[in-house]
Amino acid sequence: MTEENQHPVSPALASRPLCTVEFEVGGGLIAIGASPFGDQRLGYITGGRFFGPRINGIVLPGGGNWSRGGRLGDAASVGTFDARAVWQTDDGALIYLSYTGRSIIPDDVRATFADPAVPDADSSRYYLRIAPVFETASVEYGWLNGVLAVGIGERTDFGVRHVIHEVL
């Protein structure tokens, strides 16, 4: 601890690539509406794939993202994520994934971001971050049970893509 603040000195944050996941989202968003707790929406995961140096496979249909939105100042919307999915590795192992996260979408980007007909909204113009955790009964992929990860996302014409890094 330093004498000035009596707090432990933190090591530098280190990470390594875990995988890229591409979630296919179908059926559009179900707008539950604005309640006293925010504007609630639900999007269903219909499939997808994930690939990385140590793990590859498909995203099984049936997961979803229960998101909540609001305003961040006068010029941007802000959102939270509460997402769950099941992955199946190429060798058949099942992995449960859940994540929370945040998004900030400036108003001038919102129309492009929300339109799936626009192939790729400019990801440098918005903020989309997640913090996934994993659960599996697989011995081979058991190391995932101890991983905390962070991901940077982008909206795509099929749903969303996250580049995920394992925090070391």
C-alpha atoms as a PDB file:
ATOM      1  CA  MET A   1       0.000   0.000   0.000  1.00  0.00           C
ATOM      2  CA  THR A   2       1.085   3.516  -0.631  1.00  0.00           C
ATOM      3  CA  GLU A   3       1.342   5.864   2.310  1.00  0.00           C
ATOM      4  CA  GLU A   4      -0.701   8.560   0.557  1.00  0.00           C
ATOM      5  CA  ASN A   5      -3.957   6.675   0.144  1.00  0.00           C
ATOM      6  CA  GLN A   6      -3.565   3.437   2.126  1.00  0.00           C
ATOM      7  CA  HIS A   7      -5.045   1.422  -0.760  1.00  0.00           C
ATOM      8  CA  PRO A   8      -3.361  -1.551  -2.393  1.00  0.00           C
ATOM      9  CA  VAL A   9      -1.575  -0.817  -5.652  1.00  0.00           C
ATOM     10  CA  SER A  10      -3.379  -2.541  -8.509  1.00  0.00           C
ATOM     11  CA  PRO A  11      -1.499  -4.485 -11.157  1.00  0.00           C
ATOM     12  CA  ALA A  12      -2.008  -3.521 -14.784  1.00  0.00           C
ATOM     13  CA  LEU A  13      -5.059  -5.105 -16.388  1.00  0.00           C
ATOM     14  CA  ALA A  14      -4.038  -7.871 -18.775  1.00  0.00           C
ATOM     15  CA  SER A  15      -6.134  -9.904 -21.174  1.00  0.00           C
ATOM     16  CA  ARG A  16      -5.871 -12.390 -24.013  1.00  0.00           C
ATOM     17  CA  PRO A  17      -8.222 -13.124 -26.910  1.00  0.00           C
ATOM     18  CA  LEU A  18     -10.870 -15.693 -26.040  1.00  0.00           C
ATOM     19  CA  CYS A  19     -13.171 -15.700 -29.051  1.00  0.00           C
ATOM     20  CA  THR A  20     -15.441 -13.796 -31.375  1.00  0.00           C
ATOM     21  CA  VAL A  21     -19.146 -14.577 -31.127  1.00  0.00           C
ATOM     22  CA  GLU A  22     -21.747 -13.708 -33.733  1.00  0.00           C
ATOM     23  CA  PHE A  23     -25.281 -13.779 -32.347  1.00  0.00           C
ATOM     24  CA  GLU A  24     -28.080 -14.052 -34.879  1.00  0.00           C
ATOM     25  CA  VAL A  25     -31.142 -12.215 -33.642  1.00  0.00           C
ATOM     26  CA  GLY A  26     -34.521 -12.945 -35.197  1.00  0.00           C
ATOM     27  CA  GLY A  27     -38.100 -11.852 -35.022  1.00  0.00           C
ATOM     28  CA  GLY A  28     -37.267  -8.249 -34.206  1.00  0.00           C
ATOM     29  CA  LEU A  29     -37.333  -6.720 -30.780  1.00  0.00           C
ATOM     30  CA  ILE A  30     -40.317  -7.106 -28.510  1.00  0.00           C
ATOM     31  CA  ALA A  31     -40.902  -3.661 -27.042  1.00  0.00           C
ATOM     32  CA  ILE A  32     -42.300  -4.223 -23.559  1.00  0.00           C
ATOM     33  CA  GLY A  33     -42.461  -0.478 -23.027  1.00  0.00           C
ATOM     34  CA  ALA A  34     -41.423   2.267 -20.669  1.00  0.00           C
ATOM     35  CA  SER A  35     -42.031   1.547 -17.012  1.00  0.00           C
ATOM     36  CA  PRO A  36     -40.745   3.443 -13.983  1.00  0.00           C
ATOM     37  CA  PHE A  37     -37.564   1.347 -14.364  1.00  0.00           C
ATOM     38  CA  GLY A  38     -36.822   2.209 -18.010  1.00  0.00           C
ATOM     39  CA  ASP A  39     -37.765   1.164 -21.525  1.00  0.00           C
ATOM     40  CA  GLN A  40     -37.641  -2.649 -21.544  1.00  0.00           C
ATOM     41  CA  ARG A  41     -37.052  -4.702 -24.721  1.00  0.00           C
ATOM     42  CA  LEU A  42     -36.468  -8.368 -25.515  1.00  0.00           C
ATOM     43  CA  GLY A  43     -34.510  -9.773 -28.432  1.00  0.00           C
ATOM     44  CA  TYR A  44     -34.343 -13.509 -29.177  1.00  0.00           C
ATOM     45  CA  ILE A  45     -31.136 -15.286 -30.157  1.00  0.00           C
ATOM     46  CA  THR A  46     -31.893 -17.591 -33.092  1.00  0.00           C
ATOM     47  CA  GLY A  47     -28.384 -18.964 -33.636  1.00  0.00           C
ATOM     48  CA  GLY A  48     -24.854 -17.952 -34.443  1.00  0.00           C
ATOM     49  CA  ARG A  49     -21.286 -19.117 -34.067  1.00  0.00           C
ATOM     50  CA  PHE A  50     -18.187 -18.499 -31.977  1.00  0.00           C
ATOM     51  CA  PHE A  51     -14.559 -19.004 -32.891  1.00  0.00           C
ATOM     52  CA  GLY A  52     -11.240 -18.488 -31.178  1.00  0.00           C
ATOM     53  CA  PRO A  53      -7.832 -19.990 -30.496  1.00  0.00           C
ATOM     54  CA  ARG A  54      -9.134 -22.447 -27.844  1.00  0.00           C
ATOM     55  CA  ILE A  55     -12.877 -22.698 -28.435  1.00  0.00           C
ATOM     56  CA  ASN A  56     -15.168 -22.962 -31.476  1.00  0.00           C
ATOM     57  CA  GLY A  57     -18.762 -23.917 -32.138  1.00  0.00           C
ATOM     58  CA  ILE A  58     -22.325 -22.731 -32.622  1.00  0.00           C
ATOM     59  CA  VAL A  59     -24.778 -20.644 -30.637  1.00  0.00           C
ATOM     60  CA  LEU A  60     -27.937 -22.651 -30.004  1.00  0.00           C
ATOM     61  CA  PRO A  61     -31.309 -20.966 -30.621  1.00  0.00           C
ATOM     62  CA  GLY A  62     -33.391 -19.972 -27.631  1.00  0.00           C
ATOM     63  CA  GLY A  63     -31.355 -17.424 -25.721  1.00  0.00           C
ATOM     64  CA  GLY A  64     -32.143 -13.770 -25.482  1.00  0.00           C
ATOM     65  CA  ASN A  65     -31.241 -10.304 -24.347  1.00  0.00           C
ATOM     66  CA  TRP A  66     -33.499  -8.440 -21.968  1.00  0.00           C
ATOM     67  CA  SER A  67     -32.301  -4.893 -22.498  1.00  0.00           C
ATOM     68  CA  ARG A  68     -33.328  -1.672 -20.844  1.00  0.00           C
ATOM     69  CA  GLY A  69     -32.868   1.790 -22.287  1.00  0.00           C
ATOM     70  CA  GLY A  70     -32.902   5.386 -21.218  1.00  0.00           C
ATOM     71  CA  ARG A  71     -31.246   8.716 -21.938  1.00  0.00           C
ATOM     72  CA  LEU A  72     -27.702   9.844 -21.252  1.00  0.00           C
ATOM     73  CA  GLY A  73     -27.807  13.605 -21.472  1.00  0.00           C
ATOM     74  CA  ASP A  74     -29.466  15.406 -24.353  1.00  0.00           C
ATOM     75  CA  ALA A  75     -27.761  13.693 -27.288  1.00  0.00           C
ATOM     76  CA  ALA A  76     -27.515   9.932 -26.626  1.00  0.00           C
ATOM     77  CA  SER A  77     -29.422   6.893 -25.470  1.00  0.00           C
ATOM     78  CA  VAL A  78     -27.945   4.514 -22.930  1.00  0.00           C
ATOM     79  CA  GLY A  79     -28.771   0.860 -22.461  1.00  0.00           C
ATOM     80  CA  THR A  80     -28.104  -2.137 -20.256  1.00  0.00           C
ATOM     81  CA  PHE A  81     -27.978  -5.812 -21.186  1.00  0.00           C
ATOM     82  CA  ASP A  82     -29.127  -8.940 -19.391  1.00  0.00           C
ATOM     83  CA  ALA A  83     -28.353 -11.716 -21.882  1.00  0.00           C
ATOM     84  CA  ARG A  84     -28.184 -15.500 -21.794  1.00  0.00           C
ATOM     85  CA  ALA A  85     -27.250 -18.083 -24.404  1.00  0.00           C
ATOM     86  CA  VAL A  86     -26.111 -21.685 -24.756  1.00  0.00           C
ATOM     87  CA  TRP A  87     -23.095 -22.509 -26.881  1.00  0.00           C
ATOM     88  CA  GLN A  88     -22.242 -25.938 -28.277  1.00  0.00           C
ATOM     89  CA  THR A  89     -18.580 -26.554 -29.052  1.00  0.00           C
ATOM     90  CA  ASP A  90     -17.498 -28.381 -32.204  1.00  0.00           C
ATOM     91  CA  ASP A  91     -16.900 -31.484 -30.062  1.00  0.00           C
ATOM     92  CA  GLY A  92     -20.374 -31.352 -28.447  1.00  0.00           C
ATOM     93  CA  ALA A  93     -19.772 -29.671 -25.065  1.00  0.00           C
ATOM     94  CA  LEU A  94     -22.461 -27.277 -23.825  1.00  0.00           C
ATOM     95  CA  ILE A  95     -21.548 -23.912 -22.328  1.00  0.00           C
ATOM     96  CA  TYR A  96     -23.980 -21.533 -20.639  1.00  0.00           C
ATOM     97  CA  LEU A  97     -23.096 -17.881 -21.159  1.00  0.00           C
ATOM     98  CA  SER A  98     -24.600 -14.882 -19.397  1.00  0.00           C
ATOM     99  CA  TYR A  99     -23.580 -11.263 -19.645  1.00  0.00           C
ATOM    100  CA  THR A 100     -24.395  -7.774 -18.610  1.00  0.00           C
ATOM    101  CA  GLY A 101     -23.195  -4.687 -20.370  1.00  0.00           C
ATOM    102  CA  ARG A 102     -23.716  -1.118 -21.485  1.00  0.00           C
ATOM    103  CA  SER A 103     -24.380   0.729 -24.704  1.00  0.00           C
ATOM    104  CA  ILE A 104     -24.247   4.406 -25.592  1.00  0.00           C
ATOM    105  CA  ILE A 105     -25.755   5.363 -28.944  1.00  0.00           C
ATOM    106  CA  PRO A 106     -25.592   9.020 -30.021  1.00  0.00           C
ATOM    107  CA  ASP A 107     -28.885  10.304 -31.412  1.00  0.00           C
ATOM    108  CA  ASP A 108     -27.353  11.011 -34.829  1.00  0.00           C
ATOM    109  CA  VAL A 109     -26.309   7.323 -35.075  1.00  0.00           C
ATOM    110  CA  ARG A 110     -29.530   5.831 -33.665  1.00  0.00           C
ATOM    111  CA  ALA A 111     -31.486   5.484 -36.948  1.00  0.00           C
ATOM    112  CA  THR A 112     -28.598   3.731 -38.692  1.00  0.00           C
ATOM    113  CA  PHE A 113     -27.873   1.553 -35.660  1.00  0.00           C
ATOM    114  CA  ALA A 114     -31.494   0.414 -35.341  1.00  0.00           C
ATOM    115  CA  ASP A 115     -31.962  -0.425 -39.043  1.00  0.00           C
ATOM    116  CA  PRO A 116     -30.922  -4.033 -39.845  1.00  0.00           C
ATOM    117  CA  ALA A 117     -31.065  -3.152 -43.560  1.00  0.00           C
ATOM    118  CA  VAL A 118     -27.928  -1.049 -43.024  1.00  0.00           C
ATOM    119  CA  PRO A 119     -25.219  -3.738 -43.210  1.00  0.00           C
ATOM    120  CA  ASP A 120     -22.800  -2.336 -40.646  1.00  0.00           C
ATOM    121  CA  ALA A 121     -23.378   0.744 -38.564  1.00  0.00           C
ATOM    122  CA  ASP A 122     -20.081   2.571 -37.972  1.00  0.00           C
ATOM    123  CA  SER A 123     -18.933   0.953 -34.696  1.00  0.00           C
ATOM    124  CA  SER A 124     -16.539   3.825 -33.985  1.00  0.00           C
ATOM    125  CA  ARG A 125     -19.621   6.034 -33.471  1.00  0.00           C
ATOM    126  CA  TYR A 126     -21.189   4.068 -30.580  1.00  0.00           C
ATOM    127  CA  TYR A 127     -20.203   2.188 -27.406  1.00  0.00           C
ATOM    128  CA  LEU A 128     -21.199  -1.460 -26.894  1.00  0.00           C
ATOM    129  CA  ARG A 129     -19.432  -3.392 -24.095  1.00  0.00           C
ATOM    130  CA  ILE A 130     -20.233  -6.645 -22.275  1.00  0.00           C
ATOM    131  CA  ALA A 131     -18.926  -8.629 -19.288  1.00  0.00           C
ATOM    132  CA  PRO A 132     -19.634 -12.331 -19.931  1.00  0.00           C
ATOM    133  CA  VAL A 133     -19.249 -15.272 -17.556  1.00  0.00           C
ATOM    134  CA  PHE A 134     -19.469 -18.961 -18.440  1.00  0.00           C
ATOM    135  CA  GLU A 135     -20.687 -22.220 -16.876  1.00  0.00           C
ATOM    136  CA  THR A 136     -20.044 -25.726 -18.146  1.00  0.00           C
ATOM    137  CA  ALA A 137     -19.990 -29.308 -16.894  1.00  0.00           C
ATOM    138  CA  SER A 138     -17.375 -30.181 -19.525  1.00  0.00           C
ATOM    139  CA  VAL A 139     -14.018 -31.294 -18.144  1.00  0.00           C
ATOM    140  CA  GLU A 140     -12.271 -30.115 -21.305  1.00  0.00           C
ATOM    141  CA  TYR A 141     -13.731 -26.613 -21.071  1.00  0.00           C
ATOM    142  CA  GLY A 142     -13.906 -26.445 -17.265  1.00  0.00           C
ATOM    143  CA  TRP A 143     -11.320 -23.647 -17.311  1.00  0.00           C
ATOM    144  CA  LEU A 144     -14.152 -21.368 -18.537  1.00  0.00           C
ATOM    145  CA  ASN A 145     -15.865 -21.679 -15.127  1.00  0.00           C
ATOM    146  CA  GLY A 146     -13.148 -19.443 -13.660  1.00  0.00           C
ATOM    147  CA  VAL A 147     -13.026 -16.864 -16.458  1.00  0.00           C
ATOM    148  CA  LEU A 148     -14.261 -13.296 -16.324  1.00  0.00           C
ATOM    149  CA  ALA A 149     -14.241 -11.727 -19.749  1.00  0.00           C
ATOM    150  CA  VAL A 150     -14.925  -8.410 -21.442  1.00  0.00           C
ATOM    151  CA  GLY A 151     -16.203  -7.871 -24.943  1.00  0.00           C
ATOM    152  CA  ILE A 152     -16.476  -5.093 -27.459  1.00  0.00           C
ATOM    153  CA  GLY A 153     -19.544  -5.331 -29.655  1.00  0.00           C
ATOM    154  CA  GLU A 154     -20.868  -4.103 -32.939  1.00  0.00           C
ATOM    155  CA  ARG A 155     -24.298  -4.283 -34.516  1.00  0.00           C
ATOM    156  CA  THR A 156     -24.405  -6.274 -37.747  1.00  0.00           C
ATOM    157  CA  ASP A 157     -27.043  -7.067 -40.352  1.00  0.00           C
ATOM    158  CA  PHE A 158     -27.621 -10.485 -38.679  1.00  0.00           C
ATOM    159  CA  GLY A 159     -27.573  -9.301 -35.052  1.00  0.00           C
ATOM    160  CA  VAL A 160     -24.475  -8.510 -33.040  1.00  0.00           C
ATOM    161  CA  ARG A 161     -20.795  -9.496 -32.988  1.00  0.00           C
ATOM    162  CA  HIS A 162     -18.667  -9.378 -29.833  1.00  0.00           C
ATOM    163  CA  VAL A 163     -14.889  -9.732 -29.693  1.00  0.00           C
ATOM    164  CA  ILE A 164     -14.304 -11.262 -26.251  1.00  0.00           C
ATOM    165  CA  HIS A 165     -11.103 -11.161 -24.195  1.00  0.00           C
ATOM    166  CA  GLU A 166     -10.346 -13.187 -21.084  1.00  0.00           C
ATOM    167  CA  VAL A 167      -9.239 -10.969 -18.183  1.00  0.00           C
ATOM    168  CA  LEU A 168      -6.022 -12.426 -16.738  1.00  0.00           C
END
